[in-house]
Full PDB file with SEQRES, HELIX, SHEET, SSBOND, CRYST1, ORIGX, SCALE, CONECT and MASTER records, all heavy atoms in Angstrom:
SEQRES   1 A   38  ASP MET ALA VAL LYS TYR MET SER ASP LEU VAL ALA MET          
SEQRES   2 A   38  MET CYS GLU ALA PRO VAL GLU ALA ASP THR ARG THR ASP          
SEQRES   3 A   38  GLU ASP ARG PRO ALA SER ARG LEU ASN ALA ILE LYS              
HELIX    1 AA1 MET A    2  GLU A   16  1                                  15    
HELIX    2 AA2 VAL A   19  ASP A   22  5                                   4    
HELIX    3 AA3 ASP A   26  ASP A   28  5                                   3    
HELIX    4 AA4 PRO A   30  ILE A   37  1                                   8    
CRYST1    1.000    1.000    1.000  90.00  90.00  90.00 P 1           1          
ORIGX1      1.000000  0.000000  0.000000        0.00000                         
ORIGX2      0.000000  1.000000  0.000000        0.00000                         
ORIGX3      0.000000  0.000000  1.000000        0.00000                         
SCALE1      1.000000  0.000000  0.000000        0.00000                         
SCALE2      0.000000  1.000000  0.000000        0.00000                         
SCALE3      0.000000  0.000000  1.000000        0.00000                         
ATOM      1  N   ASP A   1     -14.058   9.723  14.269  1.00  0.00           N  
ATOM      2  CA  ASP A   1     -14.202  10.293  12.923  1.00  0.00           C  
ATOM      3  C   ASP A   1     -12.840  10.515  12.282  1.00  0.00           C  
ATOM      4  O   ASP A   1     -12.658  10.287  11.081  1.00  0.00           O  
ATOM      5  CB  ASP A   1     -14.966  11.619  12.994  1.00  0.00           C  
ATOM      6  CG  ASP A   1     -16.448  11.435  13.269  1.00  0.00           C  
ATOM      7  OD1 ASP A   1     -16.925  10.289  13.127  1.00  0.00           O  
ATOM      8  OD2 ASP A   1     -17.126  12.412  13.620  1.00  0.00           O  
ATOM      9  N   MET A   2     -11.869  10.943  13.096  1.00  0.00           N  
ATOM     10  CA  MET A   2     -10.526  11.148  12.575  1.00  0.00           C  
ATOM     11  C   MET A   2      -9.919   9.833  12.112  1.00  0.00           C  
ATOM     12  O   MET A   2      -9.253   9.765  11.076  1.00  0.00           O  
ATOM     13  CB  MET A   2      -9.641  11.771  13.649  1.00  0.00           C  
ATOM     14  CG  MET A   2      -8.229  12.087  13.178  1.00  0.00           C  
ATOM     15  SD  MET A   2      -7.151  12.648  14.530  1.00  0.00           S  
ATOM     16  CE  MET A   2      -6.993  11.083  15.438  1.00  0.00           C  
ATOM     17  N   ALA A   3     -10.168   8.753  12.870  1.00  0.00           N  
ATOM     18  CA  ALA A   3      -9.646   7.444  12.485  1.00  0.00           C  
ATOM     19  C   ALA A   3     -10.253   6.974  11.171  1.00  0.00           C  
ATOM     20  O   ALA A   3      -9.554   6.438  10.297  1.00  0.00           O  
ATOM     21  CB  ALA A   3      -9.921   6.429  13.592  1.00  0.00           C  
ATOM     22  N   VAL A   4     -11.562   7.157  11.015  1.00  0.00           N  
ATOM     23  CA  VAL A   4     -12.216   6.775   9.766  1.00  0.00           C  
ATOM     24  C   VAL A   4     -11.677   7.596   8.597  1.00  0.00           C  
ATOM     25  O   VAL A   4     -11.425   7.076   7.512  1.00  0.00           O  
ATOM     26  CB  VAL A   4     -13.742   6.940   9.882  1.00  0.00           C  
ATOM     27  CG1 VAL A   4     -14.420   6.705   8.537  1.00  0.00           C  
ATOM     28  CG2 VAL A   4     -14.305   5.963  10.918  1.00  0.00           C  
ATOM     29  N   LYS A   5     -11.475   8.898   8.827  1.00  0.00           N  
ATOM     30  CA  LYS A   5     -10.919   9.753   7.775  1.00  0.00           C  
ATOM     31  C   LYS A   5      -9.503   9.315   7.415  1.00  0.00           C  
ATOM     32  O   LYS A   5      -9.123   9.283   6.233  1.00  0.00           O  
ATOM     33  CB  LYS A   5     -10.907  11.208   8.258  1.00  0.00           C  
ATOM     34  CG  LYS A   5     -10.275  12.198   7.271  1.00  0.00           C  
ATOM     35  CD  LYS A   5     -11.033  12.259   5.936  1.00  0.00           C  
ATOM     36  CE  LYS A   5     -10.649  13.467   5.099  1.00  0.00           C  
ATOM     37  NZ  LYS A   5      -9.217  13.504   4.750  1.00  0.00           N  
ATOM     38  N   TYR A   6      -8.699   8.978   8.415  1.00  0.00           N  
ATOM     39  CA  TYR A   6      -7.330   8.535   8.168  1.00  0.00           C  
ATOM     40  C   TYR A   6      -7.322   7.259   7.333  1.00  0.00           C  
ATOM     41  O   TYR A   6      -6.566   7.139   6.355  1.00  0.00           O  
ATOM     42  CB  TYR A   6      -6.616   8.317   9.496  1.00  0.00           C  
ATOM     43  CG  TYR A   6      -5.222   7.755   9.355  1.00  0.00           C  
ATOM     44  CD1 TYR A   6      -4.223   8.460   8.695  1.00  0.00           C  
ATOM     45  CD2 TYR A   6      -4.893   6.520   9.907  1.00  0.00           C  
ATOM     46  CE1 TYR A   6      -2.941   7.954   8.580  1.00  0.00           C  
ATOM     47  CE2 TYR A   6      -3.611   5.999   9.793  1.00  0.00           C  
ATOM     48  CZ  TYR A   6      -2.640   6.723   9.132  1.00  0.00           C  
ATOM     49  OH  TYR A   6      -1.376   6.204   9.006  1.00  0.00           O  
ATOM     50  N   MET A   7      -8.166   6.281   7.686  1.00  0.00           N  
ATOM     51  CA  MET A   7      -8.208   5.041   6.920  1.00  0.00           C  
ATOM     52  C   MET A   7      -8.718   5.301   5.506  1.00  0.00           C  
ATOM     53  O   MET A   7      -8.230   4.692   4.545  1.00  0.00           O  
ATOM     54  CB  MET A   7      -9.078   4.011   7.647  1.00  0.00           C  
ATOM     55  CG  MET A   7      -8.450   3.492   8.932  1.00  0.00           C  
ATOM     56  SD  MET A   7      -9.343   2.091   9.667  1.00  0.00           S  
ATOM     57  CE  MET A   7     -10.834   2.912  10.235  1.00  0.00           C  
ATOM     58  N   SER A   8      -9.681   6.196   5.365  1.00  0.00           N  
ATOM     59  CA  SER A   8     -10.180   6.537   4.031  1.00  0.00           C  
ATOM     60  C   SER A   8      -9.085   7.199   3.201  1.00  0.00           C  
ATOM     61  O   SER A   8      -8.958   6.949   1.998  1.00  0.00           O  
ATOM     62  CB  SER A   8     -11.393   7.469   4.143  1.00  0.00           C  
ATOM     63  OG  SER A   8     -12.453   6.851   4.854  1.00  0.00           O  
ATOM     64  N   ASP A   9      -8.267   8.036   3.838  1.00  0.00           N  
ATOM     65  CA  ASP A   9      -7.156   8.668   3.127  1.00  0.00           C  
ATOM     66  C   ASP A   9      -6.137   7.630   2.657  1.00  0.00           C  
ATOM     67  O   ASP A   9      -5.561   7.751   1.565  1.00  0.00           O  
ATOM     68  CB  ASP A   9      -6.467   9.698   4.022  1.00  0.00           C  
ATOM     69  CG  ASP A   9      -7.297  10.959   4.220  1.00  0.00           C  
ATOM     70  OD1 ASP A   9      -8.251  11.153   3.448  1.00  0.00           O  
ATOM     71  OD2 ASP A   9      -6.985  11.736   5.154  1.00  0.00           O  
ATOM     72  N   LEU A  10      -5.897   6.607   3.474  1.00  0.00           N  
ATOM     73  CA  LEU A  10      -4.980   5.541   3.061  1.00  0.00           C  
ATOM     74  C   LEU A  10      -5.537   4.777   1.865  1.00  0.00           C  
ATOM     75  O   LEU A  10      -4.786   4.397   0.957  1.00  0.00           O  
ATOM     76  CB  LEU A  10      -4.724   4.590   4.233  1.00  0.00           C  
ATOM     77  CG  LEU A  10      -3.844   5.121   5.363  1.00  0.00           C  
ATOM     78  CD1 LEU A  10      -3.759   4.108   6.497  1.00  0.00           C  
ATOM     79  CD2 LEU A  10      -2.443   5.436   4.844  1.00  0.00           C  
ATOM     80  N   VAL A  11      -6.835   4.550   1.862  1.00  0.00           N  
ATOM     81  CA  VAL A  11      -7.457   3.897   0.695  1.00  0.00           C  
ATOM     82  C   VAL A  11      -7.303   4.777  -0.539  1.00  0.00           C  
ATOM     83  O   VAL A  11      -7.030   4.287  -1.636  1.00  0.00           O  
ATOM     84  CB  VAL A  11      -8.940   3.591   0.973  1.00  0.00           C  
ATOM     85  CG1 VAL A  11      -9.612   3.016  -0.281  1.00  0.00           C  
ATOM     86  CG2 VAL A  11      -9.081   2.609   2.132  1.00  0.00           C  
ATOM     87  N   ALA A  12      -7.470   6.102  -0.365  1.00  0.00           N  
ATOM     88  CA  ALA A  12      -7.287   7.021  -1.489  1.00  0.00           C  
ATOM     89  C   ALA A  12      -5.858   6.938  -2.025  1.00  0.00           C  
ATOM     90  O   ALA A  12      -5.629   6.897  -3.246  1.00  0.00           O  
ATOM     91  CB  ALA A  12      -7.615   8.450  -1.062  1.00  0.00           C  
ATOM     92  N   MET A  13      -4.863   6.907  -1.138  1.00  0.00           N  
ATOM     93  CA  MET A  13      -3.471   6.783  -1.558  1.00  0.00           C  
ATOM     94  C   MET A  13      -3.222   5.454  -2.258  1.00  0.00           C  
ATOM     95  O   MET A  13      -2.469   5.382  -3.237  1.00  0.00           O  
ATOM     96  CB  MET A  13      -2.551   6.923  -0.351  1.00  0.00           C  
ATOM     97  CG  MET A  13      -2.554   8.302   0.288  1.00  0.00           C  
ATOM     98  SD  MET A  13      -1.463   8.404   1.734  1.00  0.00           S  
ATOM     99  CE  MET A  13       0.128   8.129   0.947  1.00  0.00           C  
ATOM    100  N   MET A  14      -3.853   4.409  -1.769  1.00  0.00           N  
ATOM    101  CA  MET A  14      -3.743   3.101  -2.402  1.00  0.00           C  
ATOM    102  C   MET A  14      -4.234   3.156  -3.843  1.00  0.00           C  
ATOM    103  O   MET A  14      -3.606   2.616  -4.762  1.00  0.00           O  
ATOM    104  CB  MET A  14      -4.549   2.078  -1.602  1.00  0.00           C  
ATOM    105  CG  MET A  14      -4.575   0.675  -2.164  1.00  0.00           C  
ATOM    106  SD  MET A  14      -5.755  -0.379  -1.275  1.00  0.00           S  
ATOM    107  CE  MET A  14      -7.321   0.244  -1.946  1.00  0.00           C  
ATOM    108  N   CYS A  15      -5.349   3.844  -4.049  1.00  0.00           N  
ATOM    109  CA  CYS A  15      -5.933   3.936  -5.386  1.00  0.00           C  
ATOM    110  C   CYS A  15      -5.156   4.878  -6.292  1.00  0.00           C  
ATOM    111  O   CYS A  15      -5.205   4.750  -7.527  1.00  0.00           O  
ATOM    112  CB  CYS A  15      -7.393   4.398  -5.296  1.00  0.00           C  
ATOM    113  SG  CYS A  15      -8.495   3.227  -4.464  1.00  0.00           S  
ATOM    114  N   GLU A  16      -4.441   5.833  -5.707  1.00  0.00           N  
ATOM    115  CA  GLU A  16      -3.674   6.787  -6.506  1.00  0.00           C  
ATOM    116  C   GLU A  16      -2.328   6.228  -6.959  1.00  0.00           C  
ATOM    117  O   GLU A  16      -1.681   6.810  -7.830  1.00  0.00           O  
ATOM    118  CB  GLU A  16      -3.441   8.063  -5.692  1.00  0.00           C  
ATOM    119  CG  GLU A  16      -4.727   8.864  -5.445  1.00  0.00           C  
ATOM    120  CD  GLU A  16      -4.551   9.925  -4.377  1.00  0.00           C  
ATOM    121  OE1 GLU A  16      -3.403  10.075  -3.885  1.00  0.00           O  
ATOM    122  OE2 GLU A  16      -5.537  10.599  -4.027  1.00  0.00           O  
ATOM    123  N   ALA A  17      -1.898   5.108  -6.362  1.00  0.00           N  
ATOM    124  CA  ALA A  17      -0.611   4.520  -6.750  1.00  0.00           C  
ATOM    125  C   ALA A  17      -0.671   4.077  -8.209  1.00  0.00           C  
ATOM    126  O   ALA A  17      -1.725   3.663  -8.709  1.00  0.00           O  
ATOM    127  CB  ALA A  17      -0.290   3.329  -5.847  1.00  0.00           C  
ATOM    128  N   PRO A  18       0.449   4.154  -8.927  1.00  0.00           N  
ATOM    129  CA  PRO A  18       0.472   3.716 -10.332  1.00  0.00           C  
ATOM    130  C   PRO A  18       0.035   2.262 -10.463  1.00  0.00           C  
ATOM    131  O   PRO A  18       0.303   1.449  -9.574  1.00  0.00           O  
ATOM    132  CB  PRO A  18       1.939   3.888 -10.732  1.00  0.00           C  
ATOM    133  CG  PRO A  18       2.492   4.886  -9.771  1.00  0.00           C  
ATOM    134  CD  PRO A  18       1.754   4.670  -8.486  1.00  0.00           C  
ATOM    135  N   VAL A  19      -0.622   1.960 -11.559  1.00  0.00           N  
ATOM    136  CA  VAL A  19      -1.105   0.600 -11.762  1.00  0.00           C  
ATOM    137  C   VAL A  19       0.046  -0.391 -11.743  1.00  0.00           C  
ATOM    138  O   VAL A  19      -0.085  -1.511 -11.234  1.00  0.00           O  
ATOM    139  CB  VAL A  19      -1.878   0.499 -13.094  1.00  0.00           C  
ATOM    140  CG1 VAL A  19      -2.244  -0.952 -13.387  1.00  0.00           C  
ATOM    141  CG2 VAL A  19      -3.123   1.362 -13.039  1.00  0.00           C  
ATOM    142  N   GLU A  20       1.217   0.003 -12.258  1.00  0.00           N  
ATOM    143  CA  GLU A  20       2.337  -0.930 -12.277  1.00  0.00           C  
ATOM    144  C   GLU A  20       2.770  -1.317 -10.870  1.00  0.00           C  
ATOM    145  O   GLU A  20       3.380  -2.368 -10.668  1.00  0.00           O  
ATOM    146  CB  GLU A  20       3.531  -0.336 -13.024  1.00  0.00           C  
ATOM    147  CG  GLU A  20       3.980   1.030 -12.513  1.00  0.00           C  
ATOM    148  CD  GLU A  20       3.330   2.163 -13.283  1.00  0.00           C  
ATOM    149  OE1 GLU A  20       2.242   1.947 -13.854  1.00  0.00           O  
ATOM    150  OE2 GLU A  20       3.926   3.252 -13.334  1.00  0.00           O  
ATOM    151  N   ALA A  21       2.442  -0.480  -9.868  1.00  0.00           N  
ATOM    152  CA  ALA A  21       2.784  -0.836  -8.493  1.00  0.00           C  
ATOM    153  C   ALA A  21       1.984  -2.044  -8.023  1.00  0.00           C  
ATOM    154  O   ALA A  21       2.378  -2.722  -7.081  1.00  0.00           O  
ATOM    155  CB  ALA A  21       2.526   0.339  -7.559  1.00  0.00           C  
ATOM    156  N   ASP A  22       0.855  -2.305  -8.689  1.00  0.00           N  
ATOM    157  CA  ASP A  22       0.035  -3.455  -8.326  1.00  0.00           C  
ATOM    158  C   ASP A  22       0.394  -4.699  -9.125  1.00  0.00           C  
ATOM    159  O   ASP A  22      -0.233  -5.739  -8.958  1.00  0.00           O  
ATOM    160  CB  ASP A  22      -1.447  -3.132  -8.543  1.00  0.00           C  
ATOM    161  CG  ASP A  22      -1.963  -2.133  -7.522  1.00  0.00           C  
ATOM    162  OD1 ASP A  22      -1.397  -2.097  -6.417  1.00  0.00           O  
ATOM    163  OD2 ASP A  22      -2.904  -1.390  -7.841  1.00  0.00           O  
ATOM    164  N   THR A  23       1.367  -4.606 -10.017  1.00  0.00           N  
ATOM    165  CA  THR A  23       1.737  -5.760 -10.833  1.00  0.00           C  
ATOM    166  C   THR A  23       3.161  -6.219 -10.567  1.00  0.00           C  
ATOM    167  O   THR A  23       3.617  -7.162 -11.182  1.00  0.00           O  
ATOM    168  CB  THR A  23       1.603  -5.411 -12.328  1.00  0.00           C  
ATOM    169  OG1 THR A  23       2.460  -4.292 -12.631  1.00  0.00           O  
ATOM    170  CG2 THR A  23       0.175  -5.070 -12.677  1.00  0.00           C  
ATOM    171  N   ARG A  24       3.871  -5.551  -9.642  1.00  0.00           N  
ATOM    172  CA  ARG A  24       5.235  -5.961  -9.358  1.00  0.00           C  
ATOM    173  C   ARG A  24       5.224  -7.284  -8.606  1.00  0.00           C  
ATOM    174  O   ARG A  24       4.258  -7.624  -7.924  1.00  0.00           O  
ATOM    175  CB  ARG A  24       5.930  -4.892  -8.505  1.00  0.00           C  
ATOM    176  CG  ARG A  24       5.289  -4.680  -7.148  1.00  0.00           C  
ATOM    177  CD  ARG A  24       5.827  -3.449  -6.483  1.00  0.00           C  
ATOM    178  NE  ARG A  24       5.154  -3.260  -5.187  1.00  0.00           N  
ATOM    179  CZ  ARG A  24       4.927  -2.093  -4.662  1.00  0.00           C  
ATOM    180  NH1 ARG A  24       5.274  -1.001  -5.299  1.00  0.00           N  
ATOM    181  NH2 ARG A  24       4.345  -1.989  -3.485  1.00  0.00           N  
ATOM    182  N   THR A  25       6.305  -8.025  -8.694  1.00  0.00           N  
ATOM    183  CA  THR A  25       6.413  -9.279  -7.966  1.00  0.00           C  
ATOM    184  C   THR A  25       6.892  -8.992  -6.557  1.00  0.00           C  
ATOM    185  O   THR A  25       7.529  -7.979  -6.289  1.00  0.00           O  
ATOM    186  CB  THR A  25       7.419 -10.226  -8.649  1.00  0.00           C  
ATOM    187  OG1 THR A  25       8.715  -9.597  -8.637  1.00  0.00           O  
ATOM    188  CG2 THR A  25       7.023 -10.497 -10.086  1.00  0.00           C  
ATOM    189  N   ASP A  26       6.591  -9.909  -5.645  1.00  0.00           N  
ATOM    190  CA  ASP A  26       6.981  -9.712  -4.261  1.00  0.00           C  
ATOM    191  C   ASP A  26       8.495  -9.628  -4.103  1.00  0.00           C  
ATOM    192  O   ASP A  26       9.006  -8.896  -3.271  1.00  0.00           O  
ATOM    193  CB  ASP A  26       6.450 -10.862  -3.394  1.00  0.00           C  
ATOM    194  CG  ASP A  26       4.937 -10.890  -3.363  1.00  0.00           C  
ATOM    195  OD1 ASP A  26       4.326  -9.818  -3.485  1.00  0.00           O  
ATOM    196  OD2 ASP A  26       4.377 -11.982  -3.229  1.00  0.00           O  
ATOM    197  N   GLU A  27       9.228 -10.397  -4.931  1.00  0.00           N  
ATOM    198  CA  GLU A  27      10.672 -10.415  -4.808  1.00  0.00           C  
ATOM    199  C   GLU A  27      11.312  -9.100  -5.231  1.00  0.00           C  
ATOM    200  O   GLU A  27      12.485  -8.856  -4.956  1.00  0.00           O  
ATOM    201  CB  GLU A  27      11.253 -11.569  -5.625  1.00  0.00           C  
ATOM    202  CG  GLU A  27      10.954 -12.949  -5.079  1.00  0.00           C  
ATOM    203  CD  GLU A  27       9.493 -13.342  -5.221  1.00  0.00           C  
ATOM    204  OE1 GLU A  27       8.807 -12.786  -6.107  1.00  0.00           O  
ATOM    205  OE2 GLU A  27       9.040 -14.199  -4.447  1.00  0.00           O  
ATOM    206  N   ASP A  28      10.550  -8.240  -5.940  1.00  0.00           N  
ATOM    207  CA  ASP A  28      11.091  -6.956  -6.363  1.00  0.00           C  
ATOM    208  C   ASP A  28      11.355  -6.041  -5.178  1.00  0.00           C  
ATOM    209  O   ASP A  28      12.181  -5.145  -5.249  1.00  0.00           O  
ATOM    210  CB  ASP A  28      10.117  -6.248  -7.328  1.00  0.00           C  
ATOM    211  CG  ASP A  28      10.048  -6.939  -8.677  1.00  0.00           C  
ATOM    212  OD1 ASP A  28      11.018  -7.650  -9.003  1.00  0.00           O  
ATOM    213  OD2 ASP A  28       9.048  -6.765  -9.377  1.00  0.00           O  
ATOM    214  N   ARG A  29      10.650  -6.268  -4.073  1.00  0.00           N  
ATOM    215  CA  ARG A  29      10.787  -5.359  -2.938  1.00  0.00           C  
ATOM    216  C   ARG A  29      10.819  -6.143  -1.639  1.00  0.00           C  
ATOM    217  O   ARG A  29       9.803  -6.268  -0.948  1.00  0.00           O  
ATOM    218  CB  ARG A  29       9.650  -4.347  -2.934  1.00  0.00           C  
ATOM    219  CG  ARG A  29       9.667  -3.383  -4.110  1.00  0.00           C  
ATOM    220  CD  ARG A  29       8.679  -2.266  -3.937  1.00  0.00           C  
ATOM    221  NE  ARG A  29       8.973  -1.494  -2.734  1.00  0.00           N  
ATOM    222  CZ  ARG A  29       8.204  -0.496  -2.297  1.00  0.00           C  
ATOM    223  NH1 ARG A  29       7.126  -0.160  -2.966  1.00  0.00           N  
ATOM    224  NH2 ARG A  29       8.503   0.158  -1.203  1.00  0.00           N  
ATOM    225  N   PRO A  30      11.983  -6.705  -1.276  1.00  0.00           N  
ATOM    226  CA  PRO A  30      12.079  -7.465  -0.023  1.00  0.00           C  
ATOM    227  C   PRO A  30      11.670  -6.641   1.190  1.00  0.00           C  
ATOM    228  O   PRO A  30      11.070  -7.169   2.132  1.00  0.00           O  
ATOM    229  CB  PRO A  30      13.568  -7.847   0.034  1.00  0.00           C  
ATOM    230  CG  PRO A  30      14.023  -7.829  -1.388  1.00  0.00           C  
ATOM    231  CD  PRO A  30      13.246  -6.730  -2.043  1.00  0.00           C  
ATOM    232  N   ALA A  31      11.986  -5.333   1.176  1.00  0.00           N  
ATOM    233  CA  ALA A  31      11.618  -4.501   2.323  1.00  0.00           C  
ATOM    234  C   ALA A  31      10.106  -4.427   2.489  1.00  0.00           C  
ATOM    235  O   ALA A  31       9.586  -4.490   3.608  1.00  0.00           O  
ATOM    236  CB  ALA A  31      12.204  -3.097   2.152  1.00  0.00           C  
ATOM    237  N   SER A  32       9.385  -4.302   1.380  1.00  0.00           N  
ATOM    238  CA  SER A  32       7.927  -4.270   1.450  1.00  0.00           C  
ATOM    239  C   SER A  32       7.381  -5.612   1.914  1.00  0.00           C  
ATOM    240  O   SER A  32       6.416  -5.672   2.682  1.00  0.00           O  
ATOM    241  CB  SER A  32       7.339  -3.897   0.088  1.00  0.00           C  
ATOM    242  OG  SER A  32       7.670  -2.580  -0.258  1.00  0.00           O  
ATOM    243  N   ARG A  33       8.011  -6.687   1.456  1.00  0.00           N  
ATOM    244  CA  ARG A  33       7.598  -8.013   1.895  1.00  0.00           C  
ATOM    245  C   ARG A  33       7.790  -8.149   3.402  1.00  0.00           C  
ATOM    246  O   ARG A  33       6.916  -8.646   4.124  1.00  0.00           O  
ATOM    247  CB  ARG A  33       8.410  -9.071   1.148  1.00  0.00           C  
ATOM    248  CG  ARG A  33       8.345 -10.462   1.755  1.00  0.00           C  
ATOM    249  CD  ARG A  33       6.981 -11.076   1.626  1.00  0.00           C  
ATOM    250  NE  ARG A  33       6.784 -11.623   0.300  1.00  0.00           N  
ATOM    251  CZ  ARG A  33       5.750 -12.399  -0.032  1.00  0.00           C  
ATOM    252  NH1 ARG A  33       4.827 -12.670   0.856  1.00  0.00           N  
ATOM    253  NH2 ARG A  33       5.611 -12.848  -1.254  1.00  0.00           N  
ATOM    254  N   LEU A  34       8.939  -7.670   3.903  1.00  0.00           N  
ATOM    255  CA  LEU A  34       9.203  -7.753   5.333  1.00  0.00           C  
ATOM    256  C   LEU A  34       8.210  -6.899   6.113  1.00  0.00           C  
ATOM    257  O   LEU A  34       7.741  -7.300   7.192  1.00  0.00           O  
ATOM    258  CB  LEU A  34      10.634  -7.307   5.624  1.00  0.00           C  
ATOM    259  CG  LEU A  34      11.084  -7.386   7.090  1.00  0.00           C  
ATOM    260  CD1 LEU A  34      10.949  -8.806   7.626  1.00  0.00           C  
ATOM    261  CD2 LEU A  34      12.515  -6.894   7.236  1.00  0.00           C  
ATOM    262  N   ASN A  35       7.850  -5.733   5.588  1.00  0.00           N  
ATOM    263  CA  ASN A  35       6.856  -4.892   6.259  1.00  0.00           C  
ATOM    264  C   ASN A  35       5.512  -5.596   6.356  1.00  0.00           C  
ATOM    265  O   ASN A  35       4.819  -5.510   7.377  1.00  0.00           O  
ATOM    266  CB  ASN A  35       6.703  -3.566   5.517  1.00  0.00           C  
ATOM    267  CG  ASN A  35       7.892  -2.651   5.707  1.00  0.00           C  
ATOM    268  OD1 ASN A  35       8.621  -2.779   6.680  1.00  0.00           O  
ATOM    269  ND2 ASN A  35       8.084  -1.733   4.782  1.00  0.00           N  
ATOM    270  N   ALA A  36       5.137  -6.296   5.290  1.00  0.00           N  
ATOM    271  CA  ALA A  36       3.874  -7.035   5.304  1.00  0.00           C  
ATOM    272  C   ALA A  36       3.920  -8.160   6.327  1.00  0.00           C  
ATOM    273  O   ALA A  36       2.937  -8.431   7.033  1.00  0.00           O  
ATOM    274  CB  ALA A  36       3.576  -7.590   3.912  1.00  0.00           C  
ATOM    275  N   ILE A  37       5.054  -8.829   6.424  1.00  0.00           N  
ATOM    276  CA  ILE A  37       5.206  -9.910   7.393  1.00  0.00           C  
ATOM    277  C   ILE A  37       5.143  -9.356   8.811  1.00  0.00           C  
ATOM    278  O   ILE A  37       4.513  -9.937   9.701  1.00  0.00           O  
ATOM    279  CB  ILE A  37       6.528 -10.661   7.140  1.00  0.00           C  
ATOM    280  CG1 ILE A  37       6.407 -11.495   5.855  1.00  0.00           C  
ATOM    281  CG2 ILE A  37       6.897 -11.554   8.318  1.00  0.00           C  
ATOM    282  CD1 ILE A  37       7.693 -12.144   5.411  1.00  0.00           C  
ATOM    283  N   LYS A  38       5.786  -8.208   9.021  1.00  0.00           N  
ATOM    284  CA  LYS A  38       5.739  -7.593  10.348  1.00  0.00           C  
ATOM    285  C   LYS A  38       4.310  -7.192  10.719  1.00  0.00           C  
ATOM    286  O   LYS A  38       3.901  -7.310  11.885  1.00  0.00           O  
ATOM    287  CB  LYS A  38       6.661  -6.378  10.400  1.00  0.00           C  
ATOM    288  CG  LYS A  38       8.147  -6.735  10.408  1.00  0.00           C  
ATOM    289  CD  LYS A  38       9.002  -5.476  10.455  1.00  0.00           C  
ATOM    290  CE  LYS A  38      10.481  -5.821  10.545  1.00  0.00           C  
ATOM    291  NZ  LYS A  38      11.339  -4.608  10.580  1.00  0.00           N  
TER     292      LYS A  38                                                      
MASTER        0    0    0    4    0    0    0    6  291    1    0    3          
END                                                                             
C-alpha cells in the first residue's frame, strides 16, 4: 500500500509541475536527459 501511495504521489507531483515544464526541449536539460537514459 505504501508503494502504491508513493507512486500515486509521484503522479500527483508530475501533474502539479508547470505546463511549460512539459514543453521544454530535451536539449534544454542534458542532466534530465542523462537521468532518463540511466
